[in-house]
């Protein structure tokens, strides 16, 4: 078994750059080809899993946690707030994700 050429930290940095690029490309291509945008999301997820890197929070909320479809509010997703939560509904798989809104401490 050979050793990796780059350190783990450097691998994670490169992976993060590629993940960001893939999400930008998904954003650009979404109107023309939704399947390709979904493919970019799946590639970004695979890269993150391979090097054990976390996808940034703002990018994590741009795809469905159930069907891994790229979400575009108003086109294939609905975003609402209710009872201290943000609710993201996916029109592709008809499921939703609830995200807790942090309350400011007094």
C-alpha atoms as a PDB file:
ATOM      1  CA  UNK A   1       0.000   0.000   0.000  1.00  0.00           C
ATOM      2  CA  UNK A   2       1.497   3.317  -1.074  1.00  0.00           C
ATOM      3  CA  UNK A   3       1.399   6.515   0.957  1.00  0.00           C
ATOM      4  CA  UNK A   4      -0.663   9.466  -0.288  1.00  0.00           C
ATOM      5  CA  UNK A   5       1.369  12.186  -1.972  1.00  0.00           C
ATOM      6  CA  UNK A   6      -0.470  14.999  -0.175  1.00  0.00           C
ATOM      7  CA  UNK A   7      -1.189  15.454   3.508  1.00  0.00           C
ATOM      8  CA  UNK A   8      -4.752  14.890   4.691  1.00  0.00           C
ATOM      9  CA  UNK A   9      -5.192  18.601   5.410  1.00  0.00           C
ATOM     10  CA  UNK A  10      -4.102  19.506   1.874  1.00  0.00           C
ATOM     11  CA  UNK A  11      -6.451  16.846   0.438  1.00  0.00           C
ATOM     12  CA  UNK A  12      -9.362  18.359   2.375  1.00  0.00           C
ATOM     13  CA  UNK A  13      -8.523  21.866   1.133  1.00  0.00           C
ATOM     14  CA  UNK A  14      -8.453  20.693  -2.493  1.00  0.00           C
ATOM     15  CA  UNK A  15     -11.677  18.728  -1.977  1.00  0.00           C
ATOM     16  CA  UNK A  16     -13.406  21.802  -0.525  1.00  0.00           C
ATOM     17  CA  UNK A  17     -12.338  23.887  -3.533  1.00  0.00           C
ATOM     18  CA  UNK A  18     -13.706  21.254  -5.913  1.00  0.00           C
ATOM     19  CA  UNK A  19     -16.964  20.994  -3.957  1.00  0.00           C
ATOM     20  CA  UNK A  20     -17.477  24.759  -4.207  1.00  0.00           C
ATOM     21  CA  UNK A  21     -16.759  24.666  -7.959  1.00  0.00           C
ATOM     22  CA  UNK A  22     -19.220  21.794  -8.465  1.00  0.00           C
ATOM     23  CA  UNK A  23     -21.995  23.672  -6.660  1.00  0.00           C
ATOM     24  CA  UNK A  24     -21.291  26.784  -8.764  1.00  0.00           C
ATOM     25  CA  UNK A  25     -21.533  24.679 -11.914  1.00  0.00           C
ATOM     26  CA  UNK A  26     -24.771  23.109 -10.656  1.00  0.00           C
ATOM     27  CA  UNK A  27     -26.181  26.611 -10.167  1.00  0.00           C
ATOM     28  CA  UNK A  28     -25.163  27.645 -13.694  1.00  0.00           C
ATOM     29  CA  UNK A  29     -26.468  24.552 -15.475  1.00  0.00           C
ATOM     30  CA  UNK A  30     -29.683  24.042 -13.461  1.00  0.00           C
ATOM     31  CA  UNK A  31     -32.010  25.902 -15.851  1.00  0.00           C
ATOM     32  CA  UNK A  32     -30.793  23.946 -18.895  1.00  0.00           C
ATOM     33  CA  UNK A  33     -30.210  20.472 -17.457  1.00  0.00           C
ATOM     34  CA  UNK A  34     -31.499  19.508 -13.999  1.00  0.00           C
ATOM     35  CA  UNK A  35     -30.060  15.985 -14.245  1.00  0.00           C
ATOM     36  CA  UNK A  36     -26.559  17.391 -14.765  1.00  0.00           C
ATOM     37  CA  UNK A  37     -26.982  19.718 -11.769  1.00  0.00           C
ATOM     38  CA  UNK A  38     -27.997  16.702  -9.659  1.00  0.00           C
ATOM     39  CA  UNK A  39     -24.946  14.827 -10.957  1.00  0.00           C
ATOM     40  CA  UNK A  40     -22.677  17.687  -9.836  1.00  0.00           C
ATOM     41  CA  UNK A  41     -24.211  17.475  -6.346  1.00  0.00           C
ATOM     42  CA  UNK A  42     -23.610  13.720  -6.200  1.00  0.00           C
ATOM     43  CA  UNK A  43     -19.988  14.194  -7.320  1.00  0.00           C
ATOM     44  CA  UNK A  44     -19.476  16.852  -4.635  1.00  0.00           C
ATOM     45  CA  UNK A  45     -20.894  14.477  -2.007  1.00  0.00           C
ATOM     46  CA  UNK A  46     -18.640  11.636  -3.164  1.00  0.00           C
ATOM     47  CA  UNK A  47     -15.556  13.875  -2.986  1.00  0.00           C
ATOM     48  CA  UNK A  48     -16.508  14.979   0.546  1.00  0.00           C
ATOM     49  CA  UNK A  49     -17.084  11.408   1.697  1.00  0.00           C
ATOM     50  CA  UNK A  50     -13.840  10.147   0.190  1.00  0.00           C
ATOM     51  CA  UNK A  51     -11.623  12.598   2.116  1.00  0.00           C
ATOM     52  CA  UNK A  52     -13.932  12.908   5.157  1.00  0.00           C
ATOM     53  CA  UNK A  53     -14.495  16.624   4.523  1.00  0.00           C
ATOM     54  CA  UNK A  54     -17.634  18.452   5.548  1.00  0.00           C
ATOM     55  CA  UNK A  55     -19.660  20.297   2.950  1.00  0.00           C
ATOM     56  CA  UNK A  56     -20.087  23.931   4.090  1.00  0.00           C
ATOM     57  CA  UNK A  57     -23.425  24.736   5.739  1.00  0.00           C
ATOM     58  CA  UNK A  58     -24.598  27.148   3.031  1.00  0.00           C
ATOM     59  CA  UNK A  59     -23.967  24.495   0.362  1.00  0.00           C
ATOM     60  CA  UNK A  60     -25.445  21.664   2.449  1.00  0.00           C
ATOM     61  CA  UNK A  61     -28.826  23.359   2.370  1.00  0.00           C
ATOM     62  CA  UNK A  62     -28.837  23.569  -1.428  1.00  0.00           C
ATOM     63  CA  UNK A  63     -29.575  19.886  -1.970  1.00  0.00           C
ATOM     64  CA  UNK A  64     -32.226  17.504  -0.688  1.00  0.00           C
ATOM     65  CA  UNK A  65     -31.046  15.157   2.054  1.00  0.00           C
ATOM     66  CA  UNK A  66     -33.387  12.414   0.806  1.00  0.00           C
ATOM     67  CA  UNK A  67     -33.020  12.339  -2.989  1.00  0.00           C
ATOM     68  CA  UNK A  68     -29.844  14.479  -3.314  1.00  0.00           C
ATOM     69  CA  UNK A  69     -31.453  16.756  -5.919  1.00  0.00           C
ATOM     70  CA  UNK A  70     -30.069  20.274  -6.336  1.00  0.00           C
ATOM     71  CA  UNK A  71     -32.672  22.633  -4.844  1.00  0.00           C
ATOM     72  CA  UNK A  72     -33.622  25.955  -6.383  1.00  0.00           C
ATOM     73  CA  UNK A  73     -36.209  27.833  -4.269  1.00  0.00           C
ATOM     74  CA  UNK A  74     -39.357  28.542  -6.243  1.00  0.00           C
ATOM     75  CA  UNK A  75     -38.506  26.042  -8.986  1.00  0.00           C
ATOM     76  CA  UNK A  76     -38.213  22.645  -7.293  1.00  0.00           C
ATOM     77  CA  UNK A  77     -38.200  23.637  -3.610  1.00  0.00           C
ATOM     78  CA  UNK A  78     -40.196  25.668  -1.126  1.00  0.00           C
ATOM     79  CA  UNK A  79     -38.665  27.373   1.903  1.00  0.00           C
ATOM     80  CA  UNK A  80     -40.875  28.437   4.801  1.00  0.00           C
ATOM     81  CA  UNK A  81     -40.398  29.417   8.438  1.00  0.00           C
ATOM     82  CA  UNK A  82     -42.673  28.018  11.094  1.00  0.00           C
ATOM     83  CA  UNK A  83     -42.465  27.721  14.879  1.00  0.00           C
ATOM     84  CA  UNK A  84     -38.750  28.518  15.093  1.00  0.00           C
ATOM     85  CA  UNK A  85     -37.760  26.252  12.200  1.00  0.00           C
ATOM     86  CA  UNK A  86     -36.869  26.677   8.536  1.00  0.00           C
ATOM     87  CA  UNK A  87     -38.732  24.053   6.507  1.00  0.00           C
ATOM     88  CA  UNK A  88     -37.305  23.138   3.103  1.00  0.00           C
ATOM     89  CA  UNK A  89     -39.723  21.117   0.948  1.00  0.00           C
ATOM     90  CA  UNK A  90     -38.386  19.202  -2.055  1.00  0.00           C
ATOM     91  CA  UNK A  91     -40.785  18.912  -5.001  1.00  0.00           C
ATOM     92  CA  UNK A  92     -38.759  16.056  -6.527  1.00  0.00           C
ATOM     93  CA  UNK A  93     -39.249  13.496  -3.740  1.00  0.00           C
ATOM     94  CA  UNK A  94     -42.063  15.271  -1.809  1.00  0.00           C
ATOM     95  CA  UNK A  95     -40.107  15.188   1.449  1.00  0.00           C
ATOM     96  CA  UNK A  96     -38.976  18.033   3.676  1.00  0.00           C
ATOM     97  CA  UNK A  97     -36.154  19.008   5.990  1.00  0.00           C
ATOM     98  CA  UNK A  98     -36.529  21.003   9.192  1.00  0.00           C
ATOM     99  CA  UNK A  99     -33.681  23.205  10.388  1.00  0.00           C
ATOM    100  CA  UNK A 100     -33.833  24.757  13.860  1.00  0.00           C
ATOM    101  CA  UNK A 101     -33.433  28.547  14.036  1.00  0.00           C
ATOM    102  CA  UNK A 102     -31.064  29.495  16.829  1.00  0.00           C
ATOM    103  CA  UNK A 103     -32.533  31.866  19.352  1.00  0.00           C
ATOM    104  CA  UNK A 104     -30.494  34.811  20.605  1.00  0.00           C
ATOM    105  CA  UNK A 105     -29.769  34.630  24.315  1.00  0.00           C
ATOM    106  CA  UNK A 106     -30.751  37.723  26.298  1.00  0.00           C
END
